[in-house]
Amino acid sequence: VCDPANAWYLQDPDRSWGGIDYFASMVESYTRAYGPHVLMLGGSMGATACLLFARFAHLSLAFSPQVELRSGQGRFLPEVVLDRFEAYMSTSLAACKGRVVVHVGRRHHFDSRAARKLLS
């Protein structure tokens, strides 16, 4: 799935902040027919999608996901949008019926800290 706005799947085509629902609906429609045979694989913002939509996959492999938006590149986003992003991420990871694997670089301290936060 591609996010043409480069906005962490938060913007929809109408340029409002309904992107998570928009992309979740799209991903669900693509994966529905495959049942437990869905693999999601992504790096950076694509890894963010792997985690946001992990509930639709049997295996999600995320390489350096951008999940810490508040103190990172998304710090300009409205507070309510950041709250929704974090809540949806948490809900999707909890609803995942398969396995989620997150890889980060050993020397990438920001990514490592963000990945540890996902586990809490």
PDB file of N, CA and C in Angstrom:
ATOM      1  N   VAL A   1       0.858  -1.158   0.000  1.00  0.00           N
ATOM      2  CA  VAL A   1       0.000   0.000   0.000  1.00  0.00           C
ATOM      3  C   VAL A   1       0.909   1.227   0.000  1.00  0.00           C
ATOM      4  N   CYS A   2       0.568   2.211  -0.764  1.00  0.00           N
ATOM      5  CA  CYS A   2       1.393   3.417  -0.898  1.00  0.00           C
ATOM      6  C   CYS A   2       0.627   4.609  -0.343  1.00  0.00           C
ATOM      7  N   ASP A   3       1.314   5.442   0.395  1.00  0.00           N
ATOM      8  CA  ASP A   3       0.713   6.653   0.936  1.00  0.00           C
ATOM      9  C   ASP A   3       1.237   7.841   0.125  1.00  0.00           C
ATOM     10  N   PRO A   4       0.490   8.308  -0.876  1.00  0.00           N
ATOM     11  CA  PRO A   4       0.991   9.390  -1.728  1.00  0.00           C
ATOM     12  C   PRO A   4       1.197  10.710  -0.990  1.00  0.00           C
ATOM     13  N   ALA A   5       0.571  10.883   0.169  1.00  0.00           N
ATOM     14  CA  ALA A   5       0.741  12.119   0.938  1.00  0.00           C
ATOM     15  C   ALA A   5       1.974  12.060   1.837  1.00  0.00           C
ATOM     16  N   ASN A   6       2.605  10.875   1.926  1.00  0.00           N
ATOM     17  CA  ASN A   6       3.739  10.700   2.854  1.00  0.00           C
ATOM     18  C   ASN A   6       3.377  11.189   4.253  1.00  0.00           C
ATOM     19  N   ALA A   7       2.216  10.764   4.710  1.00  0.00           N
ATOM     20  CA  ALA A   7       1.699  11.232   5.999  1.00  0.00           C
ATOM     21  C   ALA A   7       1.376  10.069   6.923  1.00  0.00           C
ATOM     22  N   TRP A   8       2.155   9.000   6.868  1.00  0.00           N
ATOM     23  CA  TRP A   8       2.008   7.853   7.759  1.00  0.00           C
ATOM     24  C   TRP A   8       0.607   7.258   7.708  1.00  0.00           C
ATOM     25  N   TYR A   9      -0.010   7.290   6.521  1.00  0.00           N
ATOM     26  CA  TYR A   9      -1.337   6.705   6.312  1.00  0.00           C
ATOM     27  C   TYR A   9      -2.415   7.420   7.120  1.00  0.00           C
ATOM     28  N   LEU A  10      -2.164   8.683   7.427  1.00  0.00           N
ATOM     29  CA  LEU A  10      -3.097   9.454   8.245  1.00  0.00           C
ATOM     30  C   LEU A  10      -4.032  10.325   7.416  1.00  0.00           C
ATOM     31  N   GLN A  11      -3.632  10.670   6.184  1.00  0.00           N
ATOM     32  CA  GLN A  11      -4.488  11.497   5.336  1.00  0.00           C
ATOM     33  C   GLN A  11      -5.200  10.630   4.311  1.00  0.00           C
ATOM     34  N   ASP A  12      -6.448  10.970   4.061  1.00  0.00           N
ATOM     35  CA  ASP A  12      -7.212  10.273   3.028  1.00  0.00           C
ATOM     36  C   ASP A  12      -7.171  11.106   1.737  1.00  0.00           C
ATOM     37  N   PRO A  13      -7.750  10.615   0.648  1.00  0.00           N
ATOM     38  CA  PRO A  13      -7.711  11.361  -0.617  1.00  0.00           C
ATOM     39  C   PRO A  13      -8.369  12.736  -0.555  1.00  0.00           C
ATOM     40  N   ASP A  14      -9.248  12.952   0.419  1.00  0.00           N
ATOM     41  CA  ASP A  14      -9.892  14.261   0.570  1.00  0.00           C
ATOM     42  C   ASP A  14      -9.039  15.229   1.381  1.00  0.00           C
ATOM     43  N   ARG A  15      -7.832  14.803   1.718  1.00  0.00           N
ATOM     44  CA  ARG A  15      -6.877  15.608   2.509  1.00  0.00           C
ATOM     45  C   ARG A  15      -7.396  15.925   3.911  1.00  0.00           C
ATOM     46  N   SER A  16      -8.185  15.005   4.433  1.00  0.00           N
ATOM     47  CA  SER A  16      -8.597  15.126   5.828  1.00  0.00           C
ATOM     48  C   SER A  16      -7.813  14.065   6.601  1.00  0.00           C
ATOM     49  N   TRP A  17      -8.025  13.969   7.876  1.00  0.00           N
ATOM     50  CA  TRP A  17      -7.246  13.038   8.694  1.00  0.00           C
ATOM     51  C   TRP A  17      -7.961  11.700   8.876  1.00  0.00           C
ATOM     52  N   GLY A  18      -8.670  11.244   7.846  1.00  0.00           N
ATOM     53  CA  GLY A  18      -9.362   9.962   7.891  1.00  0.00           C
ATOM     54  C   GLY A  18      -8.594   8.858   7.183  1.00  0.00           C
ATOM     55  N   GLY A  19      -7.315   9.023   7.032  1.00  0.00           N
ATOM     56  CA  GLY A  19      -6.500   8.084   6.275  1.00  0.00           C
ATOM     57  C   GLY A  19      -6.419   6.689   6.850  1.00  0.00           C
ATOM     58  N   ILE A  20      -6.349   6.569   8.158  1.00  0.00           N
ATOM     59  CA  ILE A  20      -6.230   5.224   8.744  1.00  0.00           C
ATOM     60  C   ILE A  20      -7.428   4.372   8.349  1.00  0.00           C
ATOM     61  N   ASP A  21      -8.625   4.916   8.477  1.00  0.00           N
ATOM     62  CA  ASP A  21      -9.818   4.159   8.093  1.00  0.00           C
ATOM     63  C   ASP A  21      -9.828   3.878   6.592  1.00  0.00           C
ATOM     64  N   TYR A  22      -9.439   4.865   5.801  1.00  0.00           N
ATOM     65  CA  TYR A  22      -9.393   4.712   4.347  1.00  0.00           C
ATOM     66  C   TYR A  22      -8.445   3.575   3.948  1.00  0.00           C
ATOM     67  N   PHE A  23      -7.212   3.620   4.461  1.00  0.00           N
ATOM     68  CA  PHE A  23      -6.231   2.598   4.092  1.00  0.00           C
ATOM     69  C   PHE A  23      -6.555   1.242   4.714  1.00  0.00           C
ATOM     70  N   ALA A  24      -7.100   1.228   5.928  1.00  0.00           N
ATOM     71  CA  ALA A  24      -7.470  -0.042   6.560  1.00  0.00           C
ATOM     72  C   ALA A  24      -8.534  -0.753   5.733  1.00  0.00           C
ATOM     73  N   SER A  25      -9.494  -0.005   5.238  1.00  0.00           N
ATOM     74  CA  SER A  25     -10.533  -0.588   4.392  1.00  0.00           C
ATOM     75  C   SER A  25      -9.925  -1.170   3.117  1.00  0.00           C
ATOM     76  N   MET A  26      -8.982  -0.449   2.543  1.00  0.00           N
ATOM     77  CA  MET A  26      -8.319  -0.907   1.330  1.00  0.00           C
ATOM     78  C   MET A  26      -7.527  -2.195   1.601  1.00  0.00           C
ATOM     79  N   VAL A  27      -6.729  -2.192   2.658  1.00  0.00           N
ATOM     80  CA  VAL A  27      -5.909  -3.356   2.991  1.00  0.00           C
ATOM     81  C   VAL A  27      -6.802  -4.557   3.316  1.00  0.00           C
ATOM     82  N   GLU A  28      -7.857  -4.322   4.064  1.00  0.00           N
ATOM     83  CA  GLU A  28      -8.760  -5.421   4.400  1.00  0.00           C
ATOM     84  C   GLU A  28      -9.373  -6.032   3.140  1.00  0.00           C
ATOM     85  N   SER A  29      -9.766  -5.201   2.196  1.00  0.00           N
ATOM     86  CA  SER A  29     -10.368  -5.734   0.966  1.00  0.00           C
ATOM     87  C   SER A  29      -9.354  -6.542   0.158  1.00  0.00           C
ATOM     88  N   TYR A  30      -8.084  -6.137   0.181  1.00  0.00           N
ATOM     89  CA  TYR A  30      -7.045  -6.867  -0.548  1.00  0.00           C
ATOM     90  C   TYR A  30      -6.709  -8.199   0.122  1.00  0.00           C
ATOM     91  N   THR A  31      -6.767  -8.243   1.431  1.00  0.00           N
ATOM     92  CA  THR A  31      -6.291  -9.428   2.161  1.00  0.00           C
ATOM     93  C   THR A  31      -7.390 -10.431   2.498  1.00  0.00           C
ATOM     94  N   ARG A  32      -8.620 -10.024   2.452  1.00  0.00           N
ATOM     95  CA  ARG A  32      -9.741 -10.864   2.894  1.00  0.00           C
ATOM     96  C   ARG A  32      -9.727 -12.262   2.271  1.00  0.00           C
ATOM     97  N   ALA A  33      -9.486 -12.372   1.008  1.00  0.00           N
ATOM     98  CA  ALA A  33      -9.563 -13.666   0.309  1.00  0.00           C
ATOM     99  C   ALA A  33      -8.418 -14.615   0.662  1.00  0.00           C
ATOM    100  N   TYR A  34      -7.365 -14.098   1.287  1.00  0.00           N
ATOM    101  CA  TYR A  34      -6.193 -14.930   1.557  1.00  0.00           C
ATOM    102  C   TYR A  34      -6.185 -15.559   2.942  1.00  0.00           C
ATOM    103  N   GLY A  35      -7.149 -15.219   3.762  1.00  0.00           N
ATOM    104  CA  GLY A  35      -7.243 -15.820   5.094  1.00  0.00           C
ATOM    105  C   GLY A  35      -5.946 -15.679   5.877  1.00  0.00           C
ATOM    106  N   PRO A  36      -5.436 -16.797   6.404  1.00  0.00           N
ATOM    107  CA  PRO A  36      -4.220 -16.734   7.236  1.00  0.00           C
ATOM    108  C   PRO A  36      -2.915 -16.743   6.422  1.00  0.00           C
ATOM    109  N   HIS A  37      -3.005 -16.451   5.141  1.00  0.00           N
ATOM    110  CA  HIS A  37      -1.820 -16.519   4.282  1.00  0.00           C
ATOM    111  C   HIS A  37      -1.375 -15.136   3.825  1.00  0.00           C
ATOM    112  N   VAL A  38      -1.378 -14.185   4.723  1.00  0.00           N
ATOM    113  CA  VAL A  38      -1.013 -12.809   4.384  1.00  0.00           C
ATOM    114  C   VAL A  38       0.297 -12.441   5.064  1.00  0.00           C
ATOM    115  N   LEU A  39       1.243 -12.000   4.261  1.00  0.00           N
ATOM    116  CA  LEU A  39       2.534 -11.505   4.740  1.00  0.00           C
ATOM    117  C   LEU A  39       2.604 -10.019   4.432  1.00  0.00           C
ATOM    118  N   MET A  40       2.933  -9.240   5.424  1.00  0.00           N
ATOM    119  CA  MET A  40       3.183  -7.817   5.197  1.00  0.00           C
ATOM    120  C   MET A  40       4.652  -7.580   5.442  1.00  0.00           C
ATOM    121  N   LEU A  41       5.265  -6.832   4.537  1.00  0.00           N
ATOM    122  CA  LEU A  41       6.699  -6.565   4.590  1.00  0.00           C
ATOM    123  C   LEU A  41       6.907  -5.112   4.210  1.00  0.00           C
ATOM    124  N   GLY A  42       7.659  -4.385   5.027  1.00  0.00           N
ATOM    125  CA  GLY A  42       7.898  -2.991   4.690  1.00  0.00           C
ATOM    126  C   GLY A  42       9.059  -2.411   5.455  1.00  0.00           C
ATOM    127  N   GLY A  43       9.605  -1.343   4.895  1.00  0.00           N
ATOM    128  CA  GLY A  43      10.681  -0.608   5.538  1.00  0.00           C
ATOM    129  C   GLY A  43      10.294   0.850   5.698  1.00  0.00           C
ATOM    130  N   SER A  44      10.718   1.457   6.799  1.00  0.00           N
ATOM    131  CA  SER A  44      10.473   2.858   7.096  1.00  0.00           C
ATOM    132  C   SER A  44       8.970   3.129   7.157  1.00  0.00           C
ATOM    133  N   MET A  45       8.430   3.976   6.281  1.00  0.00           N
ATOM    134  CA  MET A  45       7.004   4.246   6.331  1.00  0.00           C
ATOM    135  C   MET A  45       6.196   3.014   5.935  1.00  0.00           C
ATOM    136  N   GLY A  46       6.744   2.184   5.050  1.00  0.00           N
ATOM    137  CA  GLY A  46       6.079   0.922   4.714  1.00  0.00           C
ATOM    138  C   GLY A  46       6.013  -0.010   5.911  1.00  0.00           C
ATOM    139  N   ALA A  47       7.028   0.063   6.762  1.00  0.00           N
ATOM    140  CA  ALA A  47       7.016  -0.724   8.000  1.00  0.00           C
ATOM    141  C   ALA A  47       5.948  -0.205   8.949  1.00  0.00           C
ATOM    142  N   THR A  48       5.711   1.092   8.907  1.00  0.00           N
ATOM    143  CA  THR A  48       4.634   1.671   9.696  1.00  0.00           C
ATOM    144  C   THR A  48       3.305   1.057   9.265  1.00  0.00           C
ATOM    145  N   ALA A  49       3.103   0.914   7.960  1.00  0.00           N
ATOM    146  CA  ALA A  49       1.880   0.287   7.448  1.00  0.00           C
ATOM    147  C   ALA A  49       1.776  -1.162   7.924  1.00  0.00           C
ATOM    148  N   CYS A  50       2.897  -1.878   7.930  1.00  0.00           N
ATOM    149  CA  CYS A  50       2.884  -3.274   8.403  1.00  0.00           C
ATOM    150  C   CYS A  50       2.345  -3.363   9.818  1.00  0.00           C
ATOM    151  N   LEU A  51       2.696  -2.409  10.642  1.00  0.00           N
ATOM    152  CA  LEU A  51       2.254  -2.430  12.035  1.00  0.00           C
ATOM    153  C   LEU A  51       0.840  -1.875  12.192  1.00  0.00           C
ATOM    154  N   LEU A  52       0.532  -0.794  11.465  1.00  0.00           N
ATOM    155  CA  LEU A  52      -0.817  -0.227  11.542  1.00  0.00           C
ATOM    156  C   LEU A  52      -1.879  -1.234  11.109  1.00  0.00           C
ATOM    157  N   PHE A  53      -1.534  -2.063  10.125  1.00  0.00           N
ATOM    158  CA  PHE A  53      -2.507  -2.991   9.558  1.00  0.00           C
ATOM    159  C   PHE A  53      -2.155  -4.441   9.848  1.00  0.00           C
ATOM    160  N   ALA A  54      -1.401  -4.670  10.924  1.00  0.00           N
ATOM    161  CA  ALA A  54      -0.978  -6.024  11.311  1.00  0.00           C
ATOM    162  C   ALA A  54      -2.166  -6.932  11.581  1.00  0.00           C
ATOM    163  N   ARG A  55      -3.274  -6.385  11.960  1.00  0.00           N
ATOM    164  CA  ARG A  55      -4.447  -7.212  12.263  1.00  0.00           C
ATOM    165  C   ARG A  55      -4.964  -7.966  11.038  1.00  0.00           C
ATOM    166  N   PHE A  56      -4.537  -7.558   9.844  1.00  0.00           N
ATOM    167  CA  PHE A  56      -4.963  -8.233   8.620  1.00  0.00           C
ATOM    168  C   PHE A  56      -3.948  -9.264   8.129  1.00  0.00           C
ATOM    169  N   ALA A  57      -2.856  -9.439   8.860  1.00  0.00           N
ATOM    170  CA  ALA A  57      -1.774 -10.304   8.392  1.00  0.00           C
ATOM    171  C   ALA A  57      -1.524 -11.472   9.338  1.00  0.00           C
ATOM    172  N   HIS A  58      -0.951 -12.508   8.783  1.00  0.00           N
ATOM    173  CA  HIS A  58      -0.497 -13.636   9.588  1.00  0.00           C
ATOM    174  C   HIS A  58       0.943 -13.402  10.034  1.00  0.00           C
ATOM    175  N   LEU A  59       1.699 -12.682   9.210  1.00  0.00           N
ATOM    176  CA  LEU A  59       3.084 -12.343   9.552  1.00  0.00           C
ATOM    177  C   LEU A  59       3.374 -10.941   9.047  1.00  0.00           C
ATOM    178  N   SER A  60       3.843 -10.077   9.938  1.00  0.00           N
ATOM    179  CA  SER A  60       4.251  -8.718   9.568  1.00  0.00           C
ATOM    180  C   SER A  60       5.722  -8.552   9.890  1.00  0.00           C
ATOM    181  N   LEU A  61       6.501  -8.212   8.874  1.00  0.00           N
ATOM    182  CA  LEU A  61       7.932  -7.947   9.042  1.00  0.00           C
ATOM    183  C   LEU A  61       8.158  -6.461   8.797  1.00  0.00           C
ATOM    184  N   ALA A  62       8.529  -5.750   9.845  1.00  0.00           N
ATOM    185  CA  ALA A  62       8.684  -4.300   9.778  1.00  0.00           C
ATOM    186  C   ALA A  62      10.144  -3.929  10.031  1.00  0.00           C
ATOM    187  N   PHE A  63      10.749  -3.247   9.069  1.00  0.00           N
ATOM    188  CA  PHE A  63      12.144  -2.829   9.176  1.00  0.00           C
ATOM    189  C   PHE A  63      12.195  -1.326   9.414  1.00  0.00           C
ATOM    190  N   SER A  64      12.661  -0.939  10.591  1.00  0.00           N
ATOM    191  CA  SER A  64      12.777   0.468  11.001  1.00  0.00           C
ATOM    192  C   SER A  64      11.481   1.251  10.800  1.00  0.00           C
ATOM    193  N   PRO A  65      10.412   0.810  11.446  1.00  0.00           N
ATOM    194  CA  PRO A  65       9.144   1.531  11.279  1.00  0.00           C
ATOM    195  C   PRO A  65       9.195   2.920  11.910  1.00  0.00           C
ATOM    196  N   GLN A  66       8.470   3.821  11.317  1.00  0.00           N
ATOM    197  CA  GLN A  66       8.348   5.178  11.850  1.00  0.00           C
ATOM    198  C   GLN A  66       7.104   5.204  12.731  1.00  0.00           C
ATOM    199  N   VAL A  67       7.294   4.957  13.997  1.00  0.00           N
ATOM    200  CA  VAL A  67       6.157   4.853  14.912  1.00  0.00           C
ATOM    201  C   VAL A  67       6.180   5.896  16.024  1.00  0.00           C
ATOM    202  N   GLU A  68       7.272   6.563  16.203  1.00  0.00           N
ATOM    203  CA  GLU A  68       7.375   7.599  17.241  1.00  0.00           C
ATOM    204  C   GLU A  68       7.240   8.948  16.551  1.00  0.00           C
ATOM    205  N   LEU A  69       6.007   9.319  16.245  1.00  0.00           N
ATOM    206  CA  LEU A  69       5.771  10.541  15.487  1.00  0.00           C
ATOM    207  C   LEU A  69       5.839  11.794  16.348  1.00  0.00           C
ATOM    208  N   ARG A  70       5.491  11.695  17.617  1.00  0.00           N
ATOM    209  CA  ARG A  70       5.452  12.883  18.482  1.00  0.00           C
ATOM    210  C   ARG A  70       6.802  13.580  18.621  1.00  0.00           C
ATOM    211  N   SER A  71       7.843  12.801  18.742  1.00  0.00           N
ATOM    212  CA  SER A  71       9.167  13.423  18.915  1.00  0.00           C
ATOM    213  C   SER A  71      10.015  13.285  17.662  1.00  0.00           C
ATOM    214  N   GLY A  72       9.407  12.792  16.595  1.00  0.00           N
ATOM    215  CA  GLY A  72      10.134  12.608  15.350  1.00  0.00           C
ATOM    216  C   GLY A  72       9.560  13.466  14.239  1.00  0.00           C
ATOM    217  N   GLN A  73       9.480  12.879  13.077  1.00  0.00           N
ATOM    218  CA  GLN A  73       9.078  13.624  11.888  1.00  0.00           C
ATOM    219  C   GLN A  73       7.626  14.079  11.909  1.00  0.00           C
ATOM    220  N   GLY A  74       6.801  13.483  12.744  1.00  0.00           N
ATOM    221  CA  GLY A  74       5.390  13.860  12.780  1.00  0.00           C
ATOM    222  C   GLY A  74       5.030  14.851  13.852  1.00  0.00           C
ATOM    223  N   ARG A  75       6.020  15.475  14.460  1.00  0.00           N
ATOM    224  CA  ARG A  75       5.731  16.370  15.590  1.00  0.00           C
ATOM    225  C   ARG A  75       4.874  17.576  15.194  1.00  0.00           C
ATOM    226  N   PHE A  76       4.753  17.856  13.904  1.00  0.00           N
ATOM    227  CA  PHE A  76       3.922  18.965  13.431  1.00  0.00           C
ATOM    228  C   PHE A  76       2.444  18.589  13.326  1.00  0.00           C
ATOM    229  N   LEU A  77       2.134  17.308  13.459  1.00  0.00           N
ATOM    230  CA  LEU A  77       0.751  16.846  13.288  1.00  0.00           C
ATOM    231  C   LEU A  77      -0.122  17.271  14.472  1.00  0.00           C
ATOM    232  N   PRO A  78      -1.408  17.453  14.222  1.00  0.00           N
ATOM    233  CA  PRO A  78      -2.319  17.806  15.323  1.00  0.00           C
ATOM    234  C   PRO A  78      -2.320  16.725  16.404  1.00  0.00           C
ATOM    235  N   GLU A  79      -2.455  17.144  17.625  1.00  0.00           N
ATOM    236  CA  GLU A  79      -2.428  16.237  18.782  1.00  0.00           C
ATOM    237  C   GLU A  79      -3.469  15.126  18.660  1.00  0.00           C
ATOM    238  N   VAL A  80      -4.666  15.473  18.224  1.00  0.00           N
ATOM    239  CA  VAL A  80      -5.735  14.488  18.098  1.00  0.00           C
ATOM    240  C   VAL A  80      -5.381  13.425  17.057  1.00  0.00           C
ATOM    241  N   VAL A  81      -4.671  13.800  16.015  1.00  0.00           N
ATOM    242  CA  VAL A  81      -4.251  12.851  14.973  1.00  0.00           C
ATOM    243  C   VAL A  81      -3.178  11.913  15.531  1.00  0.00           C
ATOM    244  N   LEU A  82      -2.250  12.455  16.291  1.00  0.00           N
ATOM    245  CA  LEU A  82      -1.212  11.626  16.915  1.00  0.00           C
ATOM    246  C   LEU A  82      -1.824  10.647  17.915  1.00  0.00           C
ATOM    247  N   ASP A  83      -2.798  11.114  18.691  1.00  0.00           N
ATOM    248  CA  ASP A  83      -3.485  10.231  19.639  1.00  0.00           C
ATOM    249  C   ASP A  83      -4.154   9.078  18.901  1.00  0.00           C
ATOM    250  N   ARG A  84      -4.818   9.397  17.804  1.00  0.00           N
ATOM    251  CA  ARG A  84      -5.522   8.368  17.030  1.00  0.00           C
ATOM    252  C   ARG A  84      -4.540   7.381  16.409  1.00  0.00           C
ATOM    253  N   PHE A  85      -3.426   7.879  15.903  1.00  0.00           N
ATOM    254  CA  PHE A  85      -2.389   7.021  15.322  1.00  0.00           C
ATOM    255  C   PHE A  85      -1.894   6.016  16.362  1.00  0.00           C
ATOM    256  N   GLU A  86      -1.565   6.500  17.542  1.00  0.00           N
ATOM    257  CA  GLU A  86      -1.045   5.626  18.599  1.00  0.00           C
ATOM    258  C   GLU A  86      -2.101   4.615  19.057  1.00  0.00           C
ATOM    259  N   ALA A  87      -3.337   5.046  19.188  1.00  0.00           N
ATOM    260  CA  ALA A  87      -4.407   4.140  19.613  1.00  0.00           C
ATOM    261  C   ALA A  87      -4.653   3.066  18.556  1.00  0.00           C
ATOM    262  N   TYR A  88      -4.679   3.468  17.296  1.00  0.00           N
ATOM    263  CA  TYR A  88      -4.919   2.495  16.226  1.00  0.00           C
ATOM    264  C   TYR A  88      -3.758   1.508  16.138  1.00  0.00           C
ATOM    265  N   MET A  89      -2.544   1.996  16.278  1.00  0.00           N
ATOM    266  CA  MET A  89      -1.362   1.123  16.238  1.00  0.00           C
ATOM    267  C   MET A  89      -1.467   0.074  17.339  1.00  0.00           C
ATOM    268  N   SER A  90      -1.781   0.503  18.528  1.00  0.00           N
ATOM    269  CA  SER A  90      -1.896  -0.402  19.668  1.00  0.00           C
ATOM    270  C   SER A  90      -3.002  -1.434  19.451  1.00  0.00           C
ATOM    271  N   THR A  91      -4.140  -0.985  18.986  1.00  0.00           N
ATOM    272  CA  THR A  91      -5.277  -1.877  18.741  1.00  0.00           C
ATOM    273  C   THR A  91      -4.950  -2.898  17.656  1.00  0.00           C
ATOM    274  N   SER A  92      -4.317  -2.454  16.592  1.00  0.00           N
ATOM    275  CA  SER A  92      -3.985  -3.357  15.487  1.00  0.00           C
ATOM    276  C   SER A  92      -2.983  -4.417  15.919  1.00  0.00           C
ATOM    277  N   LEU A  93      -1.979  -4.015  16.667  1.00  0.00           N
ATOM    278  CA  LEU A  93      -0.985  -4.985  17.142  1.00  0.00           C
ATOM    279  C   LEU A  93      -1.628  -5.994  18.097  1.00  0.00           C
ATOM    280  N   ALA A  94      -2.508  -5.525  18.956  1.00  0.00           N
ATOM    281  CA  ALA A  94      -3.181  -6.430  19.894  1.00  0.00           C
ATOM    282  C   ALA A  94      -4.122  -7.392  19.169  1.00  0.00           C
ATOM    283  N   ALA A  95      -4.701  -6.950  18.050  1.00  0.00           N
ATOM    284  CA  ALA A  95      -5.652  -7.776  17.307  1.00  0.00           C
ATOM    285  C   ALA A  95      -4.979  -8.728  16.322  1.00  0.00           C
ATOM    286  N   CYS A  96      -3.685  -8.587  16.139  1.00  0.00           N
ATOM    287  CA  CYS A  96      -2.973  -9.444  15.186  1.00  0.00           C
ATOM    288  C   CYS A  96      -3.022 -10.895  15.659  1.00  0.00           C
ATOM    289  N   LYS A  97      -3.477 -11.779  14.794  1.00  0.00           N
ATOM    290  CA  LYS A  97      -3.592 -13.198  15.147  1.00  0.00           C
ATOM    291  C   LYS A  97      -2.330 -13.969  14.808  1.00  0.00           C
ATOM    292  N   GLY A  98      -1.405 -13.293  14.169  1.00  0.00           N
ATOM    293  CA  GLY A  98      -0.164 -13.952  13.763  1.00  0.00           C
ATOM    294  C   GLY A  98       1.029 -13.403  14.511  1.00  0.00           C
ATOM    295  N   ARG A  99       2.100 -13.233  13.789  1.00  0.00           N
ATOM    296  CA  ARG A  99       3.370 -12.814  14.381  1.00  0.00           C
ATOM    297  C   ARG A  99       3.802 -11.470  13.803  1.00  0.00           C
ATOM    298  N   VAL A 100       4.345 -10.624  14.653  1.00  0.00           N
ATOM    299  CA  VAL A 100       4.880  -9.332  14.242  1.00  0.00           C
ATOM    300  C   VAL A 100       6.356  -9.314  14.610  1.00  0.00           C
ATOM    301  N   VAL A 101       7.198  -9.020  13.626  1.00  0.00           N
ATOM    302  CA  VAL A 101       8.635  -8.959  13.853  1.00  0.00           C
ATOM    303  C   VAL A 101       9.103  -7.564  13.444  1.00  0.00           C
ATOM    304  N   VAL A 102       9.775  -6.881  14.364  1.00  0.00           N
ATOM    305  CA  VAL A 102      10.278  -5.532  14.105  1.00  0.00           C
ATOM    306  C   VAL A 102      11.801  -5.572  14.141  1.00  0.00           C
ATOM    307  N   HIS A 103      12.416  -5.092  13.073  1.00  0.00           N
ATOM    308  CA  HIS A 103      13.872  -5.016  12.987  1.00  0.00           C
ATOM    309  C   HIS A 103      14.281  -3.545  12.976  1.00  0.00           C
ATOM    310  N   VAL A 104      15.288  -3.231  13.774  1.00  0.00           N
ATOM    311  CA  VAL A 104      15.863  -1.884  13.757  1.00  0.00           C
ATOM    312  C   VAL A 104      17.382  -2.019  13.801  1.00  0.00           C
ATOM    313  N   GLY A 105      18.048  -1.000  13.320  1.00  0.00           N
ATOM    314  CA  GLY A 105      19.501  -1.000  13.349  1.00  0.00           C
ATOM    315  C   GLY A 105      20.025  -0.874  14.765  1.00  0.00           C
ATOM    316  N   ARG A 106      21.061  -1.595  15.059  1.00  0.00           N
ATOM    317  CA  ARG A 106      21.636  -1.597  16.406  1.00  0.00           C
ATOM    318  C   ARG A 106      22.087  -0.206  16.839  1.00  0.00           C
ATOM    319  N   ARG A 107      22.563   0.583  15.903  1.00  0.00           N
ATOM    320  CA  ARG A 107      23.072   1.917  16.243  1.00  0.00           C
ATOM    321  C   ARG A 107      22.049   3.026  16.011  1.00  0.00           C
ATOM    322  N   HIS A 108      20.856   2.650  15.668  1.00  0.00           N
ATOM    323  CA  HIS A 108      19.800   3.634  15.457  1.00  0.00           C
ATOM    324  C   HIS A 108      19.007   3.747  16.753  1.00  0.00           C
ATOM    325  N   HIS A 109      19.482   4.595  17.631  1.00  0.00           N
ATOM    326  CA  HIS A 109      18.918   4.682  18.975  1.00  0.00           C
ATOM    327  C   HIS A 109      17.462   5.156  18.985  1.00  0.00           C
ATOM    328  N   PHE A 110      17.141   6.096  18.118  1.00  0.00           N
ATOM    329  CA  PHE A 110      15.762   6.593  18.060  1.00  0.00           C
ATOM    330  C   PHE A 110      14.816   5.460  17.665  1.00  0.00           C
ATOM    331  N   ASP A 111      15.167   4.695  16.607  1.00  0.00           N
ATOM    332  CA  ASP A 111      14.333   3.584  16.159  1.00  0.00           C
ATOM    333  C   ASP A 111      14.258   2.483  17.219  1.00  0.00           C
ATOM    334  N   SER A 112      15.363   2.221  17.878  1.00  0.00           N
ATOM    335  CA  SER A 112      15.385   1.181  18.920  1.00  0.00           C
ATOM    336  C   SER A 112      14.467   1.549  20.081  1.00  0.00           C
ATOM    337  N   ARG A 113      14.518   2.810  20.484  1.00  0.00           N
ATOM    338  CA  ARG A 113      13.663   3.272  21.583  1.00  0.00           C
ATOM    339  C   ARG A 113      12.188   3.197  21.172  1.00  0.00           C
ATOM    340  N   ALA A 114      11.902   3.559  19.943  1.00  0.00           N
ATOM    341  CA  ALA A 114      10.509   3.525  19.458  1.00  0.00           C
ATOM    342  C   ALA A 114      10.010   2.077  19.383  1.00  0.00           C
ATOM    343  N   ALA A 115      10.864   1.153  18.943  1.00  0.00           N
ATOM    344  CA  ALA A 115      10.469  -0.257  18.863  1.00  0.00           C
ATOM    345  C   ALA A 115      10.212  -0.819  20.258  1.00  0.00           C
ATOM    346  N   ARG A 116      11.042  -0.452  21.223  1.00  0.00           N
ATOM    347  CA  ARG A 116      10.819  -0.925  22.605  1.00  0.00           C
ATOM    348  C   ARG A 116       9.502  -0.399  23.135  1.00  0.00           C
ATOM    349  N   LYS A 117       9.152   0.827  22.761  1.00  0.00           N
ATOM    350  CA  LYS A 117       7.892   1.413  23.221  1.00  0.00           C
ATOM    351  C   LYS A 117       6.687   0.626  22.695  1.00  0.00           C
ATOM    352  N   LEU A 118       6.828   0.030  21.501  1.00  0.00           N
ATOM    353  CA  LEU A 118       5.752  -0.795  20.947  1.00  0.00           C
ATOM    354  C   LEU A 118       5.451  -1.997  21.831  1.00  0.00           C
ATOM    355  N   LEU A 119       6.474  -2.494  22.486  1.00  0.00           N
ATOM    356  CA  LEU A 119       6.316  -3.687  23.316  1.00  0.00           C
ATOM    357  C   LEU A 119       5.627  -3.400  24.644  1.00  0.00           C
ATOM    358  N   SER A 120       5.623  -2.138  25.023  1.00  0.00           N
ATOM    359  CA  SER A 120       5.036  -1.801  26.335  1.00  0.00           C
ATOM    360  C   SER A 120       3.547  -1.586  26.257  1.00  0.00           C
TER     361      SER A 120
END
